Protein backbone atom coordinates (compact mmCIF):
# COMPACT_ATOMS: atom_id res chain seq x y z
CA MET A 1 8.21 118.23 204.12
CA ASP A 2 9.99 120.36 206.71
CA VAL A 3 13.49 119.79 208.10
CA ASN A 4 12.34 117.68 211.02
CA GLU A 5 10.32 115.41 208.75
CA LEU A 6 13.28 115.15 206.34
CA ASN A 7 15.62 114.17 209.17
CA LYS A 8 13.16 111.52 210.37
CA TRP A 9 12.76 110.20 206.84
CA LEU A 10 16.55 109.99 206.39
CA GLU A 11 16.66 107.71 209.42
CA THR A 12 14.27 105.27 207.74
CA GLU A 13 15.55 102.42 205.59
CA GLU A 14 14.37 104.14 202.45
CA GLY A 15 16.04 107.43 203.45
CA LYS A 16 19.31 105.70 204.30
CA GLN A 17 19.37 103.94 200.93
CA TRP A 18 18.70 107.22 199.14
CA SER A 19 21.41 109.02 201.19
CA ASP A 20 23.92 106.21 200.62
CA SER A 21 23.24 106.26 196.87
CA LEU A 22 24.09 109.98 196.81
CA LYS A 23 27.16 109.49 198.98
CA SER A 24 28.36 106.59 196.87
CA GLY A 25 28.44 108.73 193.71
CA LEU A 26 30.27 111.53 195.51
CA VAL A 27 32.75 109.12 197.14
CA ASN A 28 33.42 107.48 193.76
CA LYS A 29 33.92 110.88 192.16
CA ARG A 30 36.22 111.94 195.00
CA ASP A 31 38.30 108.76 194.64
CA GLU A 32 38.46 109.27 190.88
CA LEU A 33 39.68 112.86 191.29
CA LEU A 34 42.23 111.85 193.93
CA GLN A 35 43.61 109.15 191.62
CA ALA A 36 43.81 111.63 188.74
CA LEU A 37 45.64 114.08 190.99
CA LYS A 38 48.05 111.35 192.10
CA ASP A 39 48.72 110.40 188.47
CA ALA A 40 49.25 114.04 187.55
CA ASN A 41 51.70 114.50 190.42
CA GLY A 42 53.63 111.43 189.26
CA LYS A 43 53.80 112.81 185.72
CA LEU A 44 54.91 116.21 187.03
CA ALA A 45 57.69 114.60 189.06
CA GLU A 46 58.82 112.66 185.98
CA MET A 47 58.71 115.83 183.88
CA ASP A 48 60.74 117.68 186.53
CA GLN A 49 63.38 114.94 186.44
CA ARG A 50 63.50 115.10 182.63
CA SER A 51 63.71 118.89 182.74
CA THR A 52 66.59 118.76 185.25
CA ALA A 53 68.42 116.19 183.12
CA ALA A 54 67.87 118.30 179.98
CA GLU A 55 69.18 121.42 181.72
CA ALA A 56 72.29 119.53 182.86
CA LEU A 57 72.84 118.27 179.30
CA ILE A 58 72.43 121.79 177.89
CA LYS A 59 74.98 123.13 180.39
CA GLU A 60 77.43 120.38 179.43
CA GLU A 61 76.97 121.18 175.73
CA GLN A 62 77.44 124.90 176.39
CA ALA A 63 80.62 124.17 178.35
CA ALA A 64 81.94 121.95 175.54
CA LEU A 65 81.10 124.60 172.95
CA ALA A 66 82.79 127.30 175.04
CA ALA A 67 85.87 125.10 175.41
CA VAL A 68 86.14 124.77 171.64
CA LEU A 69 85.22 128.31 170.61
CA VAL A 70 86.76 130.23 173.50
CA ASP A 71 89.60 128.20 175.02
CA GLN A 72 90.92 126.64 171.82
CA GLY A 73 90.32 129.82 169.82
CA LEU A 74 92.21 131.93 172.35
CA ALA A 75 95.01 129.36 172.64
CA GLN A 76 95.61 129.51 168.88
CA LEU A 77 95.46 133.31 168.77
CA LEU A 78 97.88 133.58 171.71
CA LYS A 79 100.32 131.18 170.07
CA ASP A 80 100.06 133.21 166.86
CA ALA A 81 100.87 136.30 168.97
CA HIS A 82 104.02 134.50 170.23
CA VAL A 83 102.92 134.16 173.84
CA PHE A 84 105.13 131.72 175.73
CA ASP A 85 103.45 128.28 175.84
CA VAL A 86 103.66 128.17 179.62
CA ALA A 87 101.80 131.49 179.83
CA VAL A 88 98.93 130.53 177.51
CA PRO A 89 96.58 128.98 180.16
CA SER A 90 96.90 131.91 182.56
CA SER A 91 96.54 134.38 179.68
CA ILE A 92 93.33 132.65 178.59
CA ALA A 93 91.94 132.95 182.12
CA THR A 94 92.91 136.64 182.25
CA LEU A 95 91.32 137.37 178.87
CA LYS A 96 88.10 135.59 179.78
CA GLU A 97 87.76 137.51 183.03
CA THR A 98 88.97 140.92 181.82
CA TYR A 99 87.01 141.02 178.57
CA GLY A 100 83.92 139.03 179.61
CA ILE A 101 84.39 136.55 176.80
CA LYS A 102 81.33 134.46 176.00
CA VAL A 103 79.72 132.51 173.20
CA ARG A 104 77.27 134.54 171.11
CA ALA A 105 74.45 132.72 169.29
CA ASP A 106 73.09 133.98 165.96
CA GLY A 107 70.62 131.44 164.66
CA LEU A 108 72.63 128.29 164.04
CA ASN A 109 75.95 130.18 164.12
CA ARG A 110 78.04 130.47 167.27
CA SER A 111 81.00 132.76 167.82
CA ALA A 112 83.17 133.79 170.74
CA VAL A 113 83.15 137.50 171.56
CA GLY A 114 84.34 139.84 174.27
CA ILE A 115 83.83 143.42 175.35
CA ILE A 116 86.28 146.25 174.59
CA LYS A 117 85.77 149.85 175.66
CA GLY A 118 85.89 152.24 172.72
CA ASP A 119 87.56 155.66 172.71
CA ASP A 120 84.20 157.17 173.69
CA GLY A 121 83.95 154.84 176.71
CA LYS A 122 81.18 152.72 175.22
CA GLU A 123 81.48 148.95 175.44
CA ILE A 124 81.75 147.25 172.07
CA GLU A 125 81.41 143.54 171.39
CA LYS A 126 84.39 142.29 169.41
CA PRO A 127 85.65 138.93 168.07
CA LEU A 128 88.52 137.11 169.77
CA ALA A 129 91.16 138.34 167.34
CA ASP A 130 90.38 141.95 168.29
CA ILE A 131 90.37 141.04 171.98
CA VAL A 132 93.83 139.46 171.76
CA SER A 133 95.09 142.40 169.69
CA SER A 134 93.87 144.87 172.33
CA TRP A 135 95.26 142.78 175.20
CA SER A 136 98.66 142.39 173.51
CA LYS A 137 99.23 146.14 173.99
CA THR A 138 98.91 145.89 177.79
CA GLN A 139 101.88 145.75 180.14
CA GLU A 140 100.79 142.33 181.39
CA ALA A 141 100.81 140.95 177.86
CA LYS A 142 104.24 142.38 177.12
CA GLN A 143 105.64 140.27 179.95
CA VAL A 144 104.54 137.01 178.31
CA ILE A 145 104.87 137.85 174.62
CA GLN A 146 108.23 136.74 173.29
CA ASN A 147 109.00 139.99 171.49
CA THR A 148 107.65 143.48 172.04
CA ASN A 149 110.37 145.73 170.65
CA SER A 150 110.27 145.24 166.89
CA GLY A 151 108.60 148.60 166.25
CA GLY A 152 105.60 147.64 164.14
CA GLY A 153 104.08 145.09 166.45
CA GLY A 154 105.76 142.25 164.57
CA HIS A 155 107.59 139.43 166.24
CA GLY A 156 110.80 139.24 164.25
CA GLY A 157 112.97 141.33 166.57
CA MET A 158 115.62 140.08 168.90
CA VAL A 159 115.09 138.92 172.47
CA SER A 160 118.13 139.64 174.58
CA ILE A 161 119.46 136.75 176.65
CA PRO A 162 122.49 137.11 178.94
CA GLN A 163 125.66 135.72 177.38
CA SER A 164 126.56 132.34 178.77
CA ASN A 165 128.85 129.42 178.24
CA THR A 166 126.43 128.12 175.60
CA GLY A 167 127.48 130.97 173.32
CA LEU A 168 123.90 132.33 173.05
CA LYS A 169 123.66 136.07 173.12
CA ASN A 170 120.55 136.90 171.09
CA LEU A 171 117.73 134.78 169.77
CA SER A 172 115.12 135.89 167.26
CA GLY A 173 111.46 135.93 168.31
CA PRO A 174 110.35 133.27 165.78
CA ALA A 175 113.23 130.99 166.78
CA LEU A 176 112.34 131.46 170.43
CA ALA A 177 108.67 130.79 169.67
CA SER A 178 109.53 127.47 168.06
CA LEU A 179 111.22 126.17 171.21
CA SER A 180 109.40 123.68 173.39
CA ASP A 181 108.78 124.57 177.03
CA ALA A 182 111.56 122.20 178.11
CA GLU A 183 114.04 123.65 175.59
CA PHE A 184 113.22 127.21 176.62
CA THR A 185 113.56 126.39 180.33
CA ASN A 186 116.87 124.61 179.71
CA MET A 187 118.25 127.54 177.66
CA ARG A 188 117.03 130.04 180.23
CA ASN A 189 118.68 128.14 183.07
CA GLN A 190 121.93 127.83 181.11
CA ALA A 191 121.91 131.52 180.28
CA LEU A 192 121.21 132.52 183.89
CA ASN A 193 123.85 130.17 185.26
CA GLY A 194 126.38 131.46 182.72
CA ALA A 195 125.56 135.07 183.60
CA GLY A 196 126.04 134.31 187.29
CA SER A 197 129.48 132.75 186.72
CA ALA A 198 130.73 135.52 184.44
């Protein structure tokens, strides 16, 4: 049967039925594949939504972990170093930026670390205590630490305050460190006002 004969036969009732039977199977298969693709796309969209939600949750957990390990850890170390309470938040921000402080994962353990340049110029990862120790030697730190002139790095020396009507002339570092922000501000204002009237 040549092409012309085949075309004529396909126009007959028998040929049309045969052609339709072939088309029907292909159309059914096409519809089946389209439905499967549609279902797969729906599942992919759902998986994308779950993935986005999981990523957001992970970021929140990382932020919470960083707040505990980094922010709270630094706050305690800065208080131990006798940094004025009012200067602690800005000091934390400075330390985080200057030393690239981040949370380091080691299996199930997490620790906060930062980068210090060694004497040879190489960057070394160090724990927060070393970071604060290094920072405390900077000029910026000396402006917010309550005592920097005790010789051995201790905080038991005297902080000079102008004499005022309150009768305060000198106050030890530990005593100054124990003051609340309001008490310190009040004493400072009294001392400054007394010095101005003297």
